PDB file of all heavy atoms in Angstrom:
ATOM      1  N   LEU A   1    -177.354 120.774 -31.964  1.00  0.00           N
ATOM      2  CA  LEU A   1    -176.245 119.734 -31.858  1.00  0.00           C
ATOM      3  C   LEU A   1    -175.280 120.148 -33.033  1.00  0.00           C
ATOM      4  O   LEU A   1    -175.743 120.349 -34.150  1.00  0.00           O
ATOM      5  CB  LEU A   1    -176.683 118.360 -32.056  1.00  0.00           C
ATOM      6  CG  LEU A   1    -177.587 117.914 -30.888  1.00  0.00           C
ATOM      7  CD1 LEU A   1    -178.072 116.472 -31.175  1.00  0.00           C
ATOM      8  CD2 LEU A   1    -176.922 118.023 -29.490  1.00  0.00           C
ATOM      9  N   LEU A   2    -174.003 120.282 -32.787  1.00  0.00           N
ATOM     10  CA  LEU A   2    -173.010 120.617 -33.772  1.00  0.00           C
ATOM     11  C   LEU A   2    -172.203 119.338 -34.115  1.00  0.00           C
ATOM     12  O   LEU A   2    -171.680 118.755 -33.170  1.00  0.00           O
ATOM     13  CB  LEU A   2    -172.166 121.760 -33.243  1.00  0.00           C
ATOM     14  CG  LEU A   2    -172.867 123.049 -32.809  1.00  0.00           C
ATOM     15  CD1 LEU A   2    -171.906 123.935 -32.278  1.00  0.00           C
ATOM     16  CD2 LEU A   2    -173.492 123.624 -34.097  1.00  0.00           C
ATOM     17  N   THR A   3    -171.944 119.085 -35.360  1.00  0.00           N
ATOM     18  CA  THR A   3    -171.203 117.922 -35.851  1.00  0.00           C
ATOM     19  C   THR A   3    -169.966 118.165 -36.452  1.00  0.00           C
ATOM     20  O   THR A   3    -169.110 117.378 -36.407  1.00  0.00           O
ATOM     21  CB  THR A   3    -172.147 116.985 -36.567  1.00  0.00           C
ATOM     22  OG1 THR A   3    -172.628 117.730 -37.611  1.00  0.00           O
ATOM     23  CG2 THR A   3    -173.283 116.416 -35.805  1.00  0.00           C
ATOM     24  N   ASP A   4    -169.824 119.299 -37.242  1.00  0.00           N
ATOM     25  CA  ASP A   4    -168.707 119.384 -38.214  1.00  0.00           C
ATOM     26  C   ASP A   4    -167.801 120.504 -37.703  1.00  0.00           C
ATOM     27  O   ASP A   4    -166.980 121.001 -38.532  1.00  0.00           O
ATOM     28  CB  ASP A   4    -169.245 119.751 -39.524  1.00  0.00           C
ATOM     29  CG  ASP A   4    -170.197 118.587 -39.988  1.00  0.00           C
ATOM     30  OD1 ASP A   4    -169.848 117.486 -39.631  1.00  0.00           O
ATOM     31  OD2 ASP A   4    -171.042 118.850 -40.825  1.00  0.00           O
ATOM     32  N   LEU A   5    -167.639 120.869 -36.512  1.00  0.00           N
ATOM     33  CA  LEU A   5    -166.731 121.979 -36.076  1.00  0.00           C
ATOM     34  C   LEU A   5    -165.263 121.423 -36.052  1.00  0.00           C
ATOM     35  O   LEU A   5    -165.050 120.330 -35.521  1.00  0.00           O
ATOM     36  CB  LEU A   5    -167.020 122.590 -34.820  1.00  0.00           C
ATOM     37  CG  LEU A   5    -168.312 123.269 -34.711  1.00  0.00           C
ATOM     38  CD1 LEU A   5    -168.411 124.067 -33.354  1.00  0.00           C
ATOM     39  CD2 LEU A   5    -168.671 124.201 -35.839  1.00  0.00           C
ATOM     40  N   LYS A   6    -164.342 122.130 -36.570  1.00  0.00           N
ATOM     41  CA  LYS A   6    -162.987 121.702 -36.604  1.00  0.00           C
ATOM     42  C   LYS A   6    -162.240 122.088 -35.329  1.00  0.00           C
ATOM     43  O   LYS A   6    -162.484 123.227 -34.904  1.00  0.00           O
ATOM     44  CB  LYS A   6    -162.293 122.315 -37.889  1.00  0.00           C
ATOM     45  CG  LYS A   6    -162.806 121.805 -39.260  1.00  0.00           C
ATOM     46  CD  LYS A   6    -162.042 122.489 -40.346  1.00  0.00           C
ATOM     47  CE  LYS A   6    -162.473 121.983 -41.663  1.00  0.00           C
ATOM     48  NZ  LYS A   6    -163.854 122.178 -41.947  1.00  0.00           N
ATOM     49  N   PRO A   7    -161.409 121.240 -34.842  1.00  0.00           N
ATOM     50  CA  PRO A   7    -160.522 121.667 -33.537  1.00  0.00           C
ATOM     51  C   PRO A   7    -159.665 122.640 -34.022  1.00  0.00           C
ATOM     52  O   PRO A   7    -159.312 122.897 -35.097  1.00  0.00           O
ATOM     53  CB  PRO A   7    -159.935 120.426 -33.264  1.00  0.00           C
ATOM     54  CG  PRO A   7    -160.316 119.289 -34.108  1.00  0.00           C
ATOM     55  CD  PRO A   7    -161.240 119.830 -35.200  1.00  0.00           C
ATOM     56  N   ARG A   8    -159.216 123.529 -32.927  1.00  0.00           N
ATOM     57  CA  ARG A   8    -158.263 124.499 -33.088  1.00  0.00           C
ATOM     58  C   ARG A   8    -158.658 125.583 -34.151  1.00  0.00           C
ATOM     59  O   ARG A   8    -157.790 125.966 -34.996  1.00  0.00           O
ATOM     60  CB  ARG A   8    -156.910 123.997 -33.417  1.00  0.00           C
ATOM     61  CG  ARG A   8    -156.250 123.137 -32.297  1.00  0.00           C
ATOM     62  CD  ARG A   8    -154.821 122.838 -32.648  1.00  0.00           C
ATOM     63  NE  ARG A   8    -153.973 122.117 -31.774  1.00  0.00           N
ATOM     64  CZ  ARG A   8    -154.318 121.261 -30.684  1.00  0.00           C
ATOM     65  NH1 ARG A   8    -155.527 120.975 -30.525  1.00  0.00           N
ATOM     66  NH2 ARG A   8    -153.421 120.657 -30.041  1.00  0.00           N
ATOM     67  N   SER A   9    -159.949 125.944 -34.149  1.00  0.00           N
ATOM     68  CA  SER A   9    -160.377 126.983 -35.047  1.00  0.00           C
ATOM     69  C   SER A   9    -161.344 127.958 -34.297  1.00  0.00           C
ATOM     70  O   SER A   9    -161.856 127.580 -33.306  1.00  0.00           O
ATOM     71  CB  SER A   9    -160.935 126.399 -36.293  1.00  0.00           C
ATOM     72  OG  SER A   9    -161.984 125.470 -36.074  1.00  0.00           O
ATOM     73  N   SER A  10    -161.706 129.069 -34.933  1.00  0.00           N
ATOM     74  CA  SER A  10    -162.598 129.931 -34.362  1.00  0.00           C
ATOM     75  C   SER A  10    -163.824 130.062 -35.174  1.00  0.00           C
ATOM     76  O   SER A  10    -163.811 129.885 -36.375  1.00  0.00           O
ATOM     77  CB  SER A  10    -162.004 131.338 -34.078  1.00  0.00           C
ATOM     78  OG  SER A  10    -161.591 131.812 -35.342  1.00  0.00           O
ATOM     79  N   TYR A  11    -164.998 130.401 -34.582  1.00  0.00           N
ATOM     80  CA  TYR A  11    -166.246 130.568 -35.192  1.00  0.00           C
ATOM     81  C   TYR A  11    -167.031 131.785 -34.627  1.00  0.00           C
ATOM     82  O   TYR A  11    -166.688 132.204 -33.456  1.00  0.00           O
ATOM     83  CB  TYR A  11    -167.142 129.319 -34.954  1.00  0.00           C
ATOM     84  CG  TYR A  11    -166.673 128.144 -35.708  1.00  0.00           C
ATOM     85  CD1 TYR A  11    -165.761 127.254 -35.092  1.00  0.00           C
ATOM     86  CD2 TYR A  11    -167.181 127.751 -36.849  1.00  0.00           C
ATOM     87  CE1 TYR A  11    -165.275 126.151 -35.715  1.00  0.00           C
ATOM     88  CE2 TYR A  11    -166.614 126.706 -37.677  1.00  0.00           C
ATOM     89  CZ  TYR A  11    -165.729 125.842 -36.987  1.00  0.00           C
ATOM     90  OH  TYR A  11    -165.196 124.711 -37.532  1.00  0.00           O
ATOM     91  N   CYS A  12    -167.903 132.342 -35.323  1.00  0.00           N
ATOM     92  CA  CYS A  12    -168.684 133.454 -34.891  1.00  0.00           C
ATOM     93  C   CYS A  12    -170.080 132.983 -34.892  1.00  0.00           C
ATOM     94  O   CYS A  12    -170.676 132.618 -35.879  1.00  0.00           O
ATOM     95  CB  CYS A  12    -168.489 134.710 -35.883  1.00  0.00           C
ATOM     96  SG  CYS A  12    -169.535 136.059 -35.240  1.00  0.00           S
ATOM     97  N   LEU A  13    -170.728 133.148 -33.765  1.00  0.00           N
ATOM     98  CA  LEU A  13    -172.193 132.864 -33.601  1.00  0.00           C
ATOM     99  C   LEU A  13    -172.859 134.214 -33.588  1.00  0.00           C
ATOM    100  O   LEU A  13    -172.544 135.133 -32.721  1.00  0.00           O
ATOM    101  CB  LEU A  13    -172.437 132.156 -32.258  1.00  0.00           C
ATOM    102  CG  LEU A  13    -173.927 131.976 -31.867  1.00  0.00           C
ATOM    103  CD1 LEU A  13    -174.628 130.980 -32.846  1.00  0.00           C
ATOM    104  CD2 LEU A  13    -174.029 131.460 -30.397  1.00  0.00           C
ATOM    105  N   MET A  14    -173.798 134.350 -34.542  1.00  0.00           N
ATOM    106  CA  MET A  14    -174.633 135.658 -34.539  1.00  0.00           C
ATOM    107  C   MET A  14    -175.969 135.260 -34.562  1.00  0.00           C
ATOM    108  O   MET A  14    -176.382 134.220 -35.157  1.00  0.00           O
ATOM    109  CB  MET A  14    -174.245 136.440 -35.841  1.00  0.00           C
ATOM    110  CG  MET A  14    -172.806 137.020 -35.843  1.00  0.00           C
ATOM    111  SD  MET A  14    -172.506 137.896 -37.436  1.00  0.00           S
ATOM    112  CE  MET A  14    -172.280 136.646 -38.595  1.00  0.00           C
ATOM    113  N   PHE A  15    -176.828 136.069 -33.880  1.00  0.00           N
ATOM    114  CA  PHE A  15    -178.279 135.860 -33.699  1.00  0.00           C
ATOM    115  C   PHE A  15    -178.998 137.102 -33.507  1.00  0.00           C
ATOM    116  O   PHE A  15    -178.378 138.069 -32.988  1.00  0.00           O
ATOM    117  CB  PHE A  15    -178.530 134.796 -32.666  1.00  0.00           C
ATOM    118  CG  PHE A  15    -177.905 135.191 -31.362  1.00  0.00           C
ATOM    119  CD1 PHE A  15    -178.756 135.771 -30.380  1.00  0.00           C
ATOM    120  CD2 PHE A  15    -176.648 134.788 -31.084  1.00  0.00           C
ATOM    121  CE1 PHE A  15    -178.187 136.179 -29.130  1.00  0.00           C
ATOM    122  CE2 PHE A  15    -176.091 135.194 -29.755  1.00  0.00           C
ATOM    123  CZ  PHE A  15    -176.866 135.787 -28.862  1.00  0.00           C
ATOM    124  N   SER A  16    -180.201 137.138 -33.902  1.00  0.00           N
ATOM    125  CA  SER A  16    -181.187 138.309 -33.532  1.00  0.00           C
ATOM    126  C   SER A  16    -181.821 137.806 -32.253  1.00  0.00           C
ATOM    127  O   SER A  16    -182.308 136.607 -32.073  1.00  0.00           O
ATOM    128  CB  SER A  16    -182.144 138.548 -34.534  1.00  0.00           C
ATOM    129  OG  SER A  16    -181.546 138.883 -35.757  1.00  0.00           O
ATOM    130  N   TYR A  17    -182.055 138.789 -31.367  1.00  0.00           N
ATOM    131  CA  TYR A  17    -182.937 138.561 -30.106  1.00  0.00           C
ATOM    132  C   TYR A  17    -183.704 139.741 -29.728  1.00  0.00           C
ATOM    133  O   TYR A  17    -183.399 140.837 -30.077  1.00  0.00           O
ATOM    134  CB  TYR A  17    -181.966 138.096 -28.952  1.00  0.00           C
ATOM    135  CG  TYR A  17    -181.058 139.295 -28.459  1.00  0.00           C
ATOM    136  CD1 TYR A  17    -181.529 140.033 -27.353  1.00  0.00           C
ATOM    137  CD2 TYR A  17    -179.934 139.597 -29.042  1.00  0.00           C
ATOM    138  CE1 TYR A  17    -180.803 141.028 -26.842  1.00  0.00           C
ATOM    139  CE2 TYR A  17    -179.201 140.679 -28.464  1.00  0.00           C
ATOM    140  CZ  TYR A  17    -179.620 141.373 -27.431  1.00  0.00           C
ATOM    141  OH  TYR A  17    -178.891 142.379 -26.956  1.00  0.00           O
ATOM    142  N   ARG A  18    -184.641 139.364 -28.963  1.00  0.00           N
ATOM    143  CA  ARG A  18    -185.541 140.492 -28.488  1.00  0.00           C
ATOM    144  C   ARG A  18    -186.028 140.154 -27.034  1.00  0.00           C
ATOM    145  O   ARG A  18    -186.477 138.915 -26.778  1.00  0.00           O
ATOM    146  CB  ARG A  18    -186.856 140.646 -29.426  1.00  0.00           C
ATOM    147  CG  ARG A  18    -187.642 141.833 -29.027  1.00  0.00           C
ATOM    148  CD  ARG A  18    -188.667 141.964 -30.040  1.00  0.00           C
ATOM    149  NE  ARG A  18    -189.851 141.149 -29.862  1.00  0.00           N
ATOM    150  CZ  ARG A  18    -191.048 141.436 -30.152  1.00  0.00           C
ATOM    151  NH1 ARG A  18    -191.385 142.638 -30.794  1.00  0.00           N
ATOM    152  NH2 ARG A  18    -192.093 140.556 -29.987  1.00  0.00           N
ATOM    153  N   ILE A  19    -185.888 140.973 -26.139  1.00  0.00           N
ATOM    154  CA  ILE A  19    -186.366 140.848 -24.771  1.00  0.00           C
ATOM    155  C   ILE A  19    -187.328 142.004 -24.562  1.00  0.00           C
ATOM    156  O   ILE A  19    -186.949 143.187 -24.345  1.00  0.00           O
ATOM    157  CB  ILE A  19    -185.222 140.944 -23.742  1.00  0.00           C
ATOM    158  CG1 ILE A  19    -184.112 139.857 -24.145  1.00  0.00           C
ATOM    159  CG2 ILE A  19    -185.691 140.792 -22.275  1.00  0.00           C
ATOM    160  CD1 ILE A  19    -182.983 139.738 -23.230  1.00  0.00           C
ATOM    161  N   ALA A  20    -188.635 141.665 -24.780  1.00  0.00           N
ATOM    162  CA  ALA A  20    -189.651 142.666 -24.743  1.00  0.00           C
ATOM    163  C   ALA A  20    -190.551 142.524 -23.396  1.00  0.00           C
ATOM    164  O   ALA A  20    -190.953 141.462 -23.202  1.00  0.00           O
ATOM    165  CB  ALA A  20    -190.518 142.540 -25.938  1.00  0.00           C
ATOM    166  N   GLY A  21    -190.717 143.603 -22.698  1.00  0.00           N
ATOM    167  CA  GLY A  21    -191.526 143.533 -21.513  1.00  0.00           C
ATOM    168  C   GLY A  21    -190.743 143.907 -20.235  1.00  0.00           C
ATOM    169  O   GLY A  21    -189.528 143.663 -20.234  1.00  0.00           O
ATOM    170  N   GLU A  22    -191.478 144.339 -19.211  1.00  0.00           N
ATOM    171  CA  GLU A  22    -190.866 144.634 -17.966  1.00  0.00           C
ATOM    172  C   GLU A  22    -190.591 143.425 -17.211  1.00  0.00           C
ATOM    173  O   GLU A  22    -191.426 142.589 -17.021  1.00  0.00           O
ATOM    174  CB  GLU A  22    -191.933 145.521 -17.238  1.00  0.00           C
ATOM    175  CG  GLU A  22    -191.373 146.193 -15.979  1.00  0.00           C
ATOM    176  CD  GLU A  22    -190.295 147.353 -16.362  1.00  0.00           C
ATOM    177  OE1 GLU A  22    -190.389 147.863 -17.515  1.00  0.00           O
ATOM    178  OE2 GLU A  22    -189.463 147.501 -15.584  1.00  0.00           O
ATOM    179  N   ARG A  23    -189.336 143.213 -16.729  1.00  0.00           N
ATOM    180  CA  ARG A  23    -189.023 142.055 -15.958  1.00  0.00           C
ATOM    181  C   ARG A  23    -189.292 140.740 -16.466  1.00  0.00           C
ATOM    182  O   ARG A  23    -189.735 139.854 -15.801  1.00  0.00           O
ATOM    183  CB  ARG A  23    -189.516 142.304 -14.459  1.00  0.00           C
ATOM    184  CG  ARG A  23    -188.955 143.367 -13.778  1.00  0.00           C
ATOM    185  CD  ARG A  23    -189.245 143.416 -12.325  1.00  0.00           C
ATOM    186  NE  ARG A  23    -190.679 143.216 -12.032  1.00  0.00           N
ATOM    187  CZ  ARG A  23    -191.545 144.170 -11.572  1.00  0.00           C
ATOM    188  NH1 ARG A  23    -191.150 145.325 -11.415  1.00  0.00           N
ATOM    189  NH2 ARG A  23    -192.800 143.800 -11.358  1.00  0.00           N
ATOM    190  N   VAL A  24    -189.166 140.666 -17.830  1.00  0.00           N
ATOM    191  CA  VAL A  24    -189.634 139.444 -18.461  1.00  0.00           C
ATOM    192  C   VAL A  24    -188.644 138.113 -18.190  1.00  0.00           C
ATOM    193  O   VAL A  24    -189.099 136.986 -18.250  1.00  0.00           O
ATOM    194  CB  VAL A  24    -189.763 139.660 -20.038  1.00  0.00           C
ATOM    195  CG1 VAL A  24    -188.505 139.787 -20.704  1.00  0.00           C
ATOM    196  CG2 VAL A  24    -190.649 138.558 -20.668  1.00  0.00           C
ATOM    197  N   GLY A  25    -187.385 138.439 -17.952  1.00  0.00           N
ATOM    198  CA  GLY A  25    -186.497 137.301 -17.709  1.00  0.00           C
ATOM    199  C   GLY A  25    -185.123 137.513 -18.321  1.00  0.00           C
ATOM    200  O   GLY A  25    -184.643 138.685 -18.665  1.00  0.00           O
ATOM    201  N   LYS A  26    -184.478 136.441 -18.516  1.00  0.00           N
ATOM    202  CA  LYS A  26    -183.035 136.562 -19.022  1.00  0.00           C
ATOM    203  C   LYS A  26    -182.923 135.497 -20.197  1.00  0.00           C
ATOM    204  O   LYS A  26    -183.568 134.481 -20.291  1.00  0.00           O
ATOM    205  CB  LYS A  26    -182.081 135.998 -17.951  1.00  0.00           C
ATOM    206  CG  LYS A  26    -181.851 136.896 -16.734  1.00  0.00           C
ATOM    207  CD  LYS A  26    -180.893 136.338 -15.843  1.00  0.00           C
ATOM    208  CE  LYS A  26    -180.829 137.367 -14.638  1.00  0.00           C
ATOM    209  NZ  LYS A  26    -180.015 136.845 -13.467  1.00  0.00           N
ATOM    210  N   LEU A  27    -182.073 135.912 -21.136  1.00  0.00           N
ATOM    211  CA  LEU A  27    -181.696 135.021 -22.300  1.00  0.00           C
ATOM    212  C   LEU A  27    -180.199 134.765 -22.163  1.00  0.00           C
ATOM    213  O   LEU A  27    -179.389 135.697 -21.856  1.00  0.00           O
ATOM    214  CB  LEU A  27    -181.918 135.707 -23.588  1.00  0.00           C
ATOM    215  CG  LEU A  27    -181.515 134.932 -24.791  1.00  0.00           C
ATOM    216  CD1 LEU A  27    -182.339 133.641 -24.925  1.00  0.00           C
ATOM    217  CD2 LEU A  27    -181.807 135.826 -26.108  1.00  0.00           C
ATOM    218  N   ARG A  28    -179.829 133.526 -22.139  1.00  0.00           N
ATOM    219  CA  ARG A  28    -178.447 133.000 -22.056  1.00  0.00           C
ATOM    220  C   ARG A  28    -178.063 132.163 -23.251  1.00  0.00           C
ATOM    221  O   ARG A  28    -178.936 131.452 -23.715  1.00  0.00           O
ATOM    222  CB  ARG A  28    -178.225 132.302 -20.809  1.00  0.00           C
ATOM    223  CG  ARG A  28    -178.421 133.119 -19.538  1.00  0.00           C
ATOM    224  CD  ARG A  28    -178.053 132.238 -18.331  1.00  0.00           C
ATOM    225  NE  ARG A  28    -178.373 132.980 -17.037  1.00  0.00           N
ATOM    226  CZ  ARG A  28    -179.533 132.645 -16.406  1.00  0.00           C
ATOM    227  NH1 ARG A  28    -180.351 131.695 -16.801  1.00  0.00           N
ATOM    228  NH2 ARG A  28    -179.842 133.381 -15.241  1.00  0.00           N
TER     229      ARG A  28
END
């Protein structure tokens, strides 16, 4: 949940992710 984002502005969401394994699925 995000509480303090300012309207009319931009943000960058950065994250590390790993999808390991054959046909393991999707990350969204």
